[in-house]
Protein backbone atom coordinates (compact mmCIF):
# COMPACT_ATOMS: atom_id res chain seq x y z
CA MET A 1 0.51 -9.20 16.06
CA ALA A 2 -0.48 -5.57 15.83
CA THR A 3 -3.14 -4.11 18.04
CA LEU A 4 -3.85 -1.17 15.75
CA PRO A 5 -7.20 -1.46 13.96
CA LYS A 6 -6.88 -2.70 10.38
CA ALA A 7 -9.31 -0.25 8.74
CA PRO A 8 -7.37 2.96 9.50
CA VAL A 9 -4.08 1.31 8.52
CA LYS A 10 -5.60 0.15 5.25
CA ARG A 11 -6.87 3.71 4.63
CA ILE A 12 -3.33 5.02 5.12
CA ILE A 13 -2.03 2.66 2.44
CA GLU A 14 -4.89 3.54 0.11
CA SER A 15 -4.36 7.27 0.66
CA ALA A 16 -0.79 6.74 -0.50
CA GLY A 17 -2.21 5.57 -3.83
CA ALA A 18 -2.68 1.81 -3.58
CA ALA A 19 -5.62 0.50 -5.60
CA ARG A 20 -5.83 -2.73 -3.62
CA VAL A 21 -4.37 -3.75 -0.25
CA SER A 22 -3.99 -7.27 1.08
CA ASP A 23 -4.74 -8.15 4.68
CA GLU A 24 -1.11 -9.24 5.06
CA ALA A 25 0.13 -5.83 3.92
CA THR A 26 -2.24 -4.11 6.34
CA VAL A 27 -1.03 -6.23 9.26
CA ALA A 28 2.62 -5.74 8.25
CA LEU A 29 2.26 -1.94 8.19
CA ALA A 30 0.37 -1.99 11.49
CA ASP A 31 3.25 -3.95 13.06
CA VAL A 32 5.81 -1.45 11.76
CA LEU A 33 3.75 1.55 12.88
CA GLU A 34 3.28 0.07 16.32
CA GLU A 35 7.01 -0.61 16.75
CA TYR A 36 7.82 2.94 15.65
CA ALA A 37 5.17 4.38 17.98
CA VAL A 38 6.62 2.49 20.95
CA GLU A 39 10.11 3.83 20.14
CA ILE A 40 8.79 7.40 20.00
CA ALA A 41 6.83 6.93 23.22
CA GLU A 42 9.93 5.62 25.03
CA ARG A 43 11.93 8.66 23.89
CA ALA A 44 9.09 10.99 24.89
CA ILE A 45 8.98 9.44 28.36
CA LYS A 46 12.72 10.09 28.77
CA LEU A 47 12.24 13.71 27.69
CA ALA A 48 9.40 14.25 30.16
CA LYS A 49 11.39 12.66 32.99
CA HIS A 50 14.37 14.85 32.13
CA ALA A 51 12.08 17.88 32.38
CA GLY A 52 10.90 16.67 35.79
CA ARG A 53 7.42 15.73 34.62
CA LYS A 54 5.38 12.53 34.80
CA THR A 55 2.94 13.76 32.15
CA ILE A 56 3.87 13.22 28.51
CA LYS A 57 3.03 16.29 26.45
CA ALA A 58 2.59 16.73 22.71
CA GLU A 59 5.91 18.58 22.59
CA ASP A 60 7.65 15.49 24.00
CA ILE A 61 6.20 13.36 21.21
CA GLU A 62 7.19 15.93 18.60
CA LEU A 63 10.74 16.17 19.93
CA ALA A 64 11.05 12.39 20.16
CA GLN A 65 10.43 11.83 16.45
């Protein structure tokens, strides 16, 4: 189960052009986004550690994509 709020996820789908969005679709996208975010965060942590830092910076996130 995703922990991302449903409303912003639904807005993302609607901004892509959907006229209507089911709750199931919203939850499904939230799950996918959360999984992807965790993968990026894990890569960003490795980059920061490699640079000798404990703090994750925006550049780490950008490079981890």
